N, C-alpha and C. Protein backbone atom coordinates (compact mmCIF):
# COMPACT_ATOMS: atom_id res chain seq x y z
N MET A 1 127.76 -117.29 -202.17
CA MET A 1 128.25 -118.64 -202.25
C MET A 1 128.57 -119.11 -200.83
N LYS A 2 128.19 -120.31 -200.53
CA LYS A 2 128.50 -120.93 -199.25
C LYS A 2 129.08 -122.31 -199.51
N ARG A 3 130.06 -122.67 -198.72
CA ARG A 3 130.66 -123.99 -198.79
C ARG A 3 130.61 -124.58 -197.40
N LYS A 4 130.50 -125.89 -197.30
CA LYS A 4 130.44 -126.48 -195.98
C LYS A 4 131.15 -127.83 -195.95
N ALA A 5 131.48 -128.22 -194.75
CA ALA A 5 132.05 -129.53 -194.46
C ALA A 5 131.51 -129.93 -193.10
N THR A 6 131.49 -131.22 -192.82
CA THR A 6 131.01 -131.68 -191.54
C THR A 6 132.09 -132.50 -190.84
N ALA A 7 132.07 -132.42 -189.53
CA ALA A 7 132.96 -133.22 -188.69
C ALA A 7 132.08 -133.96 -187.69
N VAL A 8 132.33 -135.25 -187.55
CA VAL A 8 131.65 -136.06 -186.54
C VAL A 8 132.74 -136.65 -185.66
N TRP A 9 132.65 -136.39 -184.36
CA TRP A 9 133.65 -136.85 -183.40
C TRP A 9 133.00 -137.79 -182.41
N LYS A 10 133.72 -138.85 -182.04
CA LYS A 10 133.24 -139.79 -181.03
C LYS A 10 134.36 -140.05 -180.04
N GLY A 11 134.05 -139.96 -178.76
CA GLY A 11 135.03 -140.25 -177.72
C GLY A 11 135.64 -139.01 -177.12
N SER A 12 136.63 -139.24 -176.27
CA SER A 12 137.31 -138.14 -175.59
C SER A 12 138.24 -137.42 -176.56
N GLY A 13 138.74 -136.28 -176.13
CA GLY A 13 139.67 -135.53 -176.98
C GLY A 13 140.93 -136.29 -177.30
N SER A 14 141.49 -136.95 -176.29
CA SER A 14 142.77 -137.62 -176.51
C SER A 14 142.63 -139.01 -177.13
N ASP A 15 141.56 -139.72 -176.79
CA ASP A 15 141.40 -141.09 -177.29
C ASP A 15 140.35 -141.24 -178.38
N GLY A 16 139.58 -140.22 -178.61
CA GLY A 16 138.51 -140.30 -179.60
C GLY A 16 139.03 -140.13 -181.01
N SER A 17 138.09 -140.13 -181.94
CA SER A 17 138.45 -139.90 -183.33
C SER A 17 137.23 -139.36 -184.05
N GLY A 18 137.48 -138.87 -185.24
CA GLY A 18 136.40 -138.29 -186.02
C GLY A 18 136.57 -138.55 -187.49
N ILE A 19 135.53 -138.14 -188.22
CA ILE A 19 135.59 -138.19 -189.68
C ILE A 19 135.12 -136.85 -190.23
N LEU A 20 135.67 -136.50 -191.38
CA LEU A 20 135.33 -135.27 -192.07
C LEU A 20 134.69 -135.62 -193.40
N ASN A 21 133.66 -134.85 -193.77
CA ASN A 21 132.98 -135.05 -195.04
C ASN A 21 132.68 -133.71 -195.69
N GLY A 22 132.65 -133.71 -196.99
CA GLY A 22 132.26 -132.52 -197.74
C GLY A 22 131.54 -132.93 -199.01
N PRO A 23 130.74 -132.05 -199.56
CA PRO A 23 129.94 -132.42 -200.72
C PRO A 23 130.74 -132.75 -201.98
N SER A 24 131.98 -132.28 -202.11
CA SER A 24 132.77 -132.57 -203.31
C SER A 24 133.25 -134.02 -203.34
N GLY A 25 133.29 -134.65 -202.18
CA GLY A 25 133.80 -136.01 -202.09
C GLY A 25 135.29 -136.07 -201.77
N VAL A 26 135.99 -134.95 -201.83
CA VAL A 26 137.41 -134.94 -201.49
C VAL A 26 137.59 -135.37 -200.04
N LEU A 27 136.72 -134.87 -199.19
CA LEU A 27 136.66 -135.34 -197.80
C LEU A 27 135.50 -136.31 -197.72
N SER A 28 135.81 -137.57 -197.74
CA SER A 28 134.78 -138.61 -197.71
C SER A 28 135.12 -139.58 -196.59
N ASP A 29 134.49 -139.37 -195.43
CA ASP A 29 134.81 -140.15 -194.24
C ASP A 29 136.30 -140.13 -193.96
N THR A 30 136.92 -138.96 -194.13
CA THR A 30 138.35 -138.79 -193.89
C THR A 30 138.61 -138.79 -192.38
N PRO A 31 139.43 -139.72 -191.91
CA PRO A 31 139.65 -139.82 -190.46
C PRO A 31 140.58 -138.74 -189.93
N TYR A 32 140.31 -138.36 -188.67
CA TYR A 32 141.24 -137.49 -187.96
C TYR A 32 141.12 -137.78 -186.47
N SER A 33 142.19 -137.50 -185.74
CA SER A 33 142.22 -137.76 -184.30
C SER A 33 143.36 -136.97 -183.68
N ALA A 34 143.41 -136.96 -182.36
CA ALA A 34 144.51 -136.29 -181.67
C ALA A 34 145.84 -136.96 -182.00
N ALA A 35 145.84 -138.29 -182.08
CA ALA A 35 147.08 -138.99 -182.43
C ALA A 35 147.55 -138.58 -183.81
N ARG A 36 146.62 -138.51 -184.77
CA ARG A 36 147.01 -138.09 -186.13
C ARG A 36 147.49 -136.65 -186.14
N ARG A 37 146.95 -135.85 -185.25
CA ARG A 37 147.30 -134.44 -185.21
C ARG A 37 148.61 -134.17 -184.48
N PHE A 38 148.81 -134.82 -183.33
CA PHE A 38 149.94 -134.46 -182.47
C PHE A 38 151.06 -135.49 -182.42
N GLU A 39 150.80 -136.72 -182.77
CA GLU A 39 151.82 -137.76 -182.63
C GLU A 39 152.35 -138.25 -183.96
N ASN A 40 151.97 -137.61 -185.03
CA ASN A 40 152.31 -138.07 -186.37
C ASN A 40 152.93 -136.91 -187.14
N GLU A 41 154.18 -136.62 -186.87
CA GLU A 41 154.83 -135.43 -187.42
C GLU A 41 154.83 -135.39 -188.94
N ASP A 42 154.95 -136.55 -189.60
CA ASP A 42 155.00 -136.52 -191.07
C ASP A 42 153.62 -136.37 -191.69
N GLY A 43 152.55 -136.52 -190.90
CA GLY A 43 151.20 -136.29 -191.39
C GLY A 43 150.64 -137.38 -192.27
N LYS A 44 151.29 -138.50 -192.38
CA LYS A 44 150.84 -139.54 -193.32
C LYS A 44 149.77 -140.46 -192.76
N ALA A 45 149.50 -140.40 -191.45
CA ALA A 45 148.52 -141.31 -190.85
C ALA A 45 147.09 -140.79 -190.98
N GLY A 46 146.91 -139.56 -191.43
CA GLY A 46 145.58 -138.98 -191.57
C GLY A 46 145.68 -137.47 -191.50
N THR A 47 144.61 -136.83 -191.80
CA THR A 47 144.63 -135.38 -191.87
C THR A 47 144.44 -134.75 -190.49
N ASN A 48 144.52 -133.44 -190.47
CA ASN A 48 144.30 -132.65 -189.25
C ASN A 48 143.90 -131.25 -189.68
N PRO A 49 143.37 -130.46 -188.76
CA PRO A 49 142.93 -129.12 -189.13
C PRO A 49 144.01 -128.25 -189.76
N GLU A 50 145.24 -128.38 -189.28
CA GLU A 50 146.32 -127.54 -189.82
C GLU A 50 146.63 -127.88 -191.27
N GLU A 51 146.61 -129.17 -191.61
CA GLU A 51 146.83 -129.56 -193.00
C GLU A 51 145.72 -129.01 -193.89
N LEU A 52 144.50 -129.06 -193.40
CA LEU A 52 143.37 -128.55 -194.19
C LEU A 52 143.46 -127.04 -194.38
N ILE A 53 143.87 -126.33 -193.33
CA ILE A 53 144.06 -124.88 -193.45
C ILE A 53 145.17 -124.59 -194.45
N ALA A 54 146.28 -125.34 -194.37
CA ALA A 54 147.40 -125.14 -195.30
C ALA A 54 146.96 -125.37 -196.74
N ALA A 55 146.19 -126.44 -196.97
CA ALA A 55 145.72 -126.73 -198.33
C ALA A 55 144.80 -125.63 -198.83
N ALA A 56 143.90 -125.19 -197.98
CA ALA A 56 142.98 -124.12 -198.38
C ALA A 56 143.73 -122.83 -198.70
N HIS A 57 144.73 -122.52 -197.88
CA HIS A 57 145.47 -121.28 -198.09
C HIS A 57 146.33 -121.35 -199.36
N ALA A 58 147.03 -122.46 -199.55
CA ALA A 58 147.86 -122.60 -200.75
C ALA A 58 147.00 -122.52 -202.01
N GLY A 59 145.87 -123.21 -202.02
CA GLY A 59 144.99 -123.21 -203.19
C GLY A 59 144.39 -121.85 -203.47
N CYS A 60 143.90 -121.19 -202.44
CA CYS A 60 143.29 -119.87 -202.62
C CYS A 60 144.33 -118.86 -203.08
N TYR A 61 145.50 -118.90 -202.47
CA TYR A 61 146.56 -117.96 -202.83
C TYR A 61 146.99 -118.15 -204.29
N ALA A 62 147.21 -119.38 -204.70
CA ALA A 62 147.62 -119.64 -206.09
C ALA A 62 146.57 -119.14 -207.07
N MET A 63 145.30 -119.35 -206.75
CA MET A 63 144.23 -118.91 -207.63
C MET A 63 144.17 -117.38 -207.68
N ALA A 64 144.28 -116.74 -206.52
CA ALA A 64 144.25 -115.27 -206.48
C ALA A 64 145.40 -114.68 -207.29
N LEU A 65 146.58 -115.25 -207.14
CA LEU A 65 147.74 -114.77 -207.90
C LEU A 65 147.55 -114.99 -209.40
N SER A 66 146.98 -116.12 -209.76
CA SER A 66 146.72 -116.41 -211.17
C SER A 66 145.78 -115.37 -211.78
N PHE A 67 144.74 -115.00 -211.05
CA PHE A 67 143.82 -113.96 -211.53
C PHE A 67 144.55 -112.63 -211.70
N ALA A 68 145.43 -112.30 -210.75
CA ALA A 68 146.18 -111.04 -210.83
C ALA A 68 147.11 -111.04 -212.05
N ILE A 69 147.76 -112.17 -212.29
CA ILE A 69 148.65 -112.30 -213.44
C ILE A 69 147.85 -112.17 -214.74
N SER A 70 146.70 -112.79 -214.80
CA SER A 70 145.83 -112.68 -215.98
C SER A 70 145.38 -111.24 -216.20
N GLY A 71 145.14 -110.53 -215.11
CA GLY A 71 144.75 -109.12 -215.20
C GLY A 71 145.82 -108.24 -215.81
N GLU A 72 147.05 -108.72 -215.79
CA GLU A 72 148.17 -108.01 -216.40
C GLU A 72 148.44 -108.49 -217.83
N GLY A 73 147.58 -109.36 -218.35
CA GLY A 73 147.73 -109.84 -219.72
C GLY A 73 148.67 -111.01 -219.88
N HIS A 74 148.96 -111.72 -218.81
CA HIS A 74 149.87 -112.86 -218.85
C HIS A 74 149.15 -114.11 -218.35
N THR A 75 149.77 -115.23 -218.61
CA THR A 75 149.29 -116.51 -218.08
C THR A 75 150.45 -117.17 -217.35
N ALA A 76 150.18 -117.62 -216.14
CA ALA A 76 151.23 -118.29 -215.37
C ALA A 76 151.56 -119.62 -216.02
N ASP A 77 152.85 -119.87 -216.24
CA ASP A 77 153.29 -121.18 -216.69
C ASP A 77 153.14 -122.18 -215.56
N LYS A 78 153.51 -121.74 -214.36
CA LYS A 78 153.37 -122.60 -213.18
C LYS A 78 153.47 -121.75 -211.93
N LEU A 79 152.56 -122.00 -211.00
CA LEU A 79 152.62 -121.42 -209.67
C LEU A 79 152.62 -122.59 -208.70
N ASP A 80 153.71 -122.79 -208.00
CA ASP A 80 153.86 -123.89 -207.05
C ASP A 80 153.88 -123.26 -205.66
N VAL A 81 152.83 -123.48 -204.88
CA VAL A 81 152.70 -122.84 -203.57
C VAL A 81 152.64 -123.90 -202.48
N THR A 82 153.50 -123.74 -201.50
CA THR A 82 153.44 -124.58 -200.31
C THR A 82 153.10 -123.67 -199.13
N ALA A 83 152.06 -124.03 -198.40
CA ALA A 83 151.70 -123.31 -197.18
C ALA A 83 152.07 -124.19 -196.00
N THR A 84 152.78 -123.63 -195.05
CA THR A 84 153.16 -124.34 -193.84
C THR A 84 152.50 -123.65 -192.66
N VAL A 85 151.66 -124.39 -191.96
CA VAL A 85 150.96 -123.86 -190.79
C VAL A 85 151.69 -124.37 -189.55
N THR A 86 152.09 -123.46 -188.67
CA THR A 86 152.80 -123.82 -187.45
C THR A 86 151.84 -123.80 -186.27
N LEU A 87 151.74 -124.94 -185.58
CA LEU A 87 150.92 -125.07 -184.39
C LEU A 87 151.86 -125.20 -183.19
N ASP A 88 151.74 -124.29 -182.24
CA ASP A 88 152.61 -124.29 -181.07
C ASP A 88 151.82 -124.58 -179.81
N LYS A 89 152.45 -125.31 -178.90
CA LYS A 89 151.85 -125.54 -177.58
C LYS A 89 152.12 -124.30 -176.74
N ILE A 90 151.08 -123.78 -176.16
CA ILE A 90 151.20 -122.61 -175.30
C ILE A 90 150.51 -122.93 -173.97
N GLU A 91 150.68 -122.06 -173.02
CA GLU A 91 150.00 -122.25 -171.75
C GLU A 91 148.49 -122.29 -171.99
N GLY A 92 147.87 -123.36 -171.55
CA GLY A 92 146.43 -123.49 -171.71
C GLY A 92 145.99 -124.14 -173.00
N GLY A 93 146.90 -124.59 -173.84
CA GLY A 93 146.47 -125.26 -175.07
C GLY A 93 147.44 -125.11 -176.21
N PHE A 94 146.90 -124.81 -177.37
CA PHE A 94 147.67 -124.68 -178.60
C PHE A 94 147.21 -123.45 -179.36
N GLU A 95 148.08 -122.96 -180.24
CA GLU A 95 147.69 -121.87 -181.13
C GLU A 95 148.44 -121.98 -182.45
N ILE A 96 147.79 -121.54 -183.51
CA ILE A 96 148.48 -121.40 -184.79
C ILE A 96 149.25 -120.09 -184.71
N SER A 97 150.57 -120.20 -184.77
CA SER A 97 151.42 -119.03 -184.54
C SER A 97 151.98 -118.42 -185.81
N ALA A 98 151.94 -119.15 -186.92
CA ALA A 98 152.52 -118.63 -188.17
C ALA A 98 152.02 -119.44 -189.35
N ILE A 99 151.97 -118.77 -190.47
CA ILE A 99 151.72 -119.43 -191.75
C ILE A 99 152.78 -118.92 -192.71
N ASP A 100 153.51 -119.84 -193.31
CA ASP A 100 154.57 -119.48 -194.26
C ASP A 100 154.16 -119.95 -195.65
N LEU A 101 154.08 -119.02 -196.58
CA LEU A 101 153.81 -119.35 -197.98
C LEU A 101 155.12 -119.35 -198.73
N ASP A 102 155.37 -120.43 -199.45
CA ASP A 102 156.57 -120.55 -200.27
C ASP A 102 156.10 -120.65 -201.72
N LEU A 103 156.41 -119.65 -202.51
CA LEU A 103 155.95 -119.55 -203.90
C LEU A 103 157.11 -119.72 -204.86
N LYS A 104 156.93 -120.62 -205.79
CA LYS A 104 157.85 -120.75 -206.91
C LYS A 104 157.00 -120.53 -208.15
N GLY A 105 157.33 -119.49 -208.91
CA GLY A 105 156.50 -119.15 -210.05
C GLY A 105 157.28 -118.88 -211.31
N LYS A 106 156.62 -119.16 -212.43
CA LYS A 106 157.20 -118.88 -213.74
C LYS A 106 156.10 -118.29 -214.61
N VAL A 107 156.37 -117.10 -215.15
CA VAL A 107 155.43 -116.42 -216.04
C VAL A 107 156.25 -115.82 -217.18
N GLU A 108 156.17 -116.44 -218.34
CA GLU A 108 156.91 -115.94 -219.50
C GLU A 108 156.47 -114.51 -219.82
N GLY A 109 157.46 -113.65 -220.06
CA GLY A 109 157.20 -112.28 -220.48
C GLY A 109 156.91 -111.31 -219.36
N MET A 110 156.86 -111.75 -218.13
CA MET A 110 156.60 -110.85 -217.00
C MET A 110 157.91 -110.56 -216.27
N LYS A 111 158.09 -109.30 -215.90
CA LYS A 111 159.27 -108.92 -215.13
C LYS A 111 159.15 -109.44 -213.71
N GLU A 112 160.28 -109.81 -213.16
CA GLU A 112 160.30 -110.33 -211.80
C GLU A 112 159.73 -109.33 -210.80
N SER A 113 160.03 -108.08 -210.96
CA SER A 113 159.53 -107.06 -210.02
C SER A 113 157.99 -107.01 -210.04
N LYS A 114 157.40 -107.13 -211.22
CA LYS A 114 155.94 -107.12 -211.32
C LYS A 114 155.36 -108.38 -210.68
N PHE A 115 156.00 -109.52 -210.93
CA PHE A 115 155.54 -110.78 -210.33
C PHE A 115 155.55 -110.67 -208.81
N LYS A 116 156.62 -110.14 -208.26
CA LYS A 116 156.72 -110.01 -206.80
C LYS A 116 155.67 -109.06 -206.25
N GLU A 117 155.40 -107.99 -206.97
CA GLU A 117 154.36 -107.05 -206.55
C GLU A 117 153.00 -107.75 -206.52
N LEU A 118 152.69 -108.47 -207.59
CA LEU A 118 151.42 -109.19 -207.65
C LEU A 118 151.34 -110.27 -206.57
N ALA A 119 152.45 -110.94 -206.31
CA ALA A 119 152.49 -111.99 -205.30
C ALA A 119 152.20 -111.43 -203.91
N GLU A 120 152.81 -110.30 -203.59
CA GLU A 120 152.57 -109.67 -202.29
C GLU A 120 151.12 -109.22 -202.17
N ASN A 121 150.58 -108.64 -203.23
CA ASN A 121 149.19 -108.19 -203.19
C ASN A 121 148.23 -109.36 -203.06
N ALA A 122 148.53 -110.47 -203.71
CA ALA A 122 147.67 -111.65 -203.61
C ALA A 122 147.70 -112.20 -202.18
N LYS A 123 148.85 -112.12 -201.53
CA LYS A 123 148.94 -112.58 -200.14
C LYS A 123 147.98 -111.79 -199.26
N LYS A 124 147.90 -110.51 -199.48
CA LYS A 124 147.01 -109.66 -198.68
C LYS A 124 145.55 -109.81 -199.09
N GLY A 125 145.32 -110.10 -200.39
CA GLY A 125 143.96 -110.04 -200.91
C GLY A 125 143.21 -111.34 -201.04
N CYS A 126 143.88 -112.48 -200.96
CA CYS A 126 143.13 -113.72 -201.14
C CYS A 126 142.20 -113.91 -199.94
N PRO A 127 140.99 -114.42 -200.17
CA PRO A 127 140.01 -114.55 -199.09
C PRO A 127 140.50 -115.37 -197.90
N VAL A 128 141.28 -116.41 -198.13
CA VAL A 128 141.76 -117.21 -197.01
C VAL A 128 142.80 -116.43 -196.21
N SER A 129 143.67 -115.68 -196.89
CA SER A 129 144.62 -114.82 -196.17
C SER A 129 143.88 -113.82 -195.29
N LYS A 130 142.82 -113.25 -195.83
CA LYS A 130 142.03 -112.29 -195.04
C LYS A 130 141.42 -112.97 -193.82
N ALA A 131 140.88 -114.18 -194.01
CA ALA A 131 140.27 -114.90 -192.90
C ALA A 131 141.28 -115.28 -191.83
N LEU A 132 142.52 -115.49 -192.24
CA LEU A 132 143.57 -115.91 -191.31
C LEU A 132 144.45 -114.75 -190.86
N SER A 133 144.01 -113.53 -191.05
CA SER A 133 144.85 -112.36 -190.81
C SER A 133 145.28 -112.17 -189.35
N ALA A 134 144.69 -112.89 -188.42
CA ALA A 134 145.13 -112.81 -187.02
C ALA A 134 146.48 -113.50 -186.82
N VAL A 135 146.89 -114.28 -187.81
CA VAL A 135 148.14 -115.03 -187.74
C VAL A 135 149.16 -114.38 -188.68
N PRO A 136 150.41 -114.20 -188.24
CA PRO A 136 151.43 -113.67 -189.16
C PRO A 136 151.61 -114.60 -190.36
N ILE A 137 151.58 -114.00 -191.56
CA ILE A 137 151.73 -114.76 -192.80
C ILE A 137 152.97 -114.23 -193.52
N SER A 138 153.93 -115.11 -193.75
CA SER A 138 155.13 -114.72 -194.49
C SER A 138 155.05 -115.28 -195.90
N LEU A 139 155.84 -114.68 -196.79
CA LEU A 139 155.86 -115.10 -198.19
C LEU A 139 157.30 -115.11 -198.68
N ASP A 140 157.72 -116.27 -199.18
CA ASP A 140 159.04 -116.41 -199.79
C ASP A 140 158.81 -116.66 -201.28
N ILE A 141 159.44 -115.85 -202.14
CA ILE A 141 159.16 -115.89 -203.58
C ILE A 141 160.41 -116.31 -204.34
N THR A 142 160.25 -117.28 -205.22
CA THR A 142 161.27 -117.66 -206.20
C THR A 142 160.64 -117.50 -207.57
N PHE A 143 161.28 -116.72 -208.44
CA PHE A 143 160.73 -116.45 -209.76
C PHE A 143 161.70 -116.94 -210.83
N GLY A 144 161.15 -117.61 -211.83
CA GLY A 144 161.99 -118.00 -212.94
C GLY A 144 161.98 -119.46 -213.25
C-alpha cells in the first residue's frame, strides 16, 4: 500500500506560500506558509507540517490501540487521542523535539492495567510511532 500527498510552493521561504493536496480530498488546495507555521500560535490561519504529523500520529495510534483492544475480545467505547508535536528553534534551524500523546479511553469490561499495557504497546507498535522513533514520544493515559 502506498499513500501520497503533494506540496506546491511558490516564492521564498519566509514570504512564499504553498498548497497541499491528496487524493482523498481532505487536503484540497490546503494553504500553508511560514507565517501560518511560525506566526500563528493557535494554528487557525492554516495548516503546517507539525499539525499534519500530529493528526497522522493521533489517528494511527488510536486505530492501532483499537485493534489491540479488539484482539483481547473487547470494543473501545471511546478512544480520544491528542498528539502534540513540539517544534523548537535550534542553532541552524528548527527541530521536532517531542511528541506527547494524551489518551483518554473507555472500554467496558477491561481492567485498567490491561488497557494501559495495550496503550503502551500501541505507542511502540503503530506505524507512525515507528516512523517518528527518532523523536521522544510520551504517553499520558486516563482510563474510565
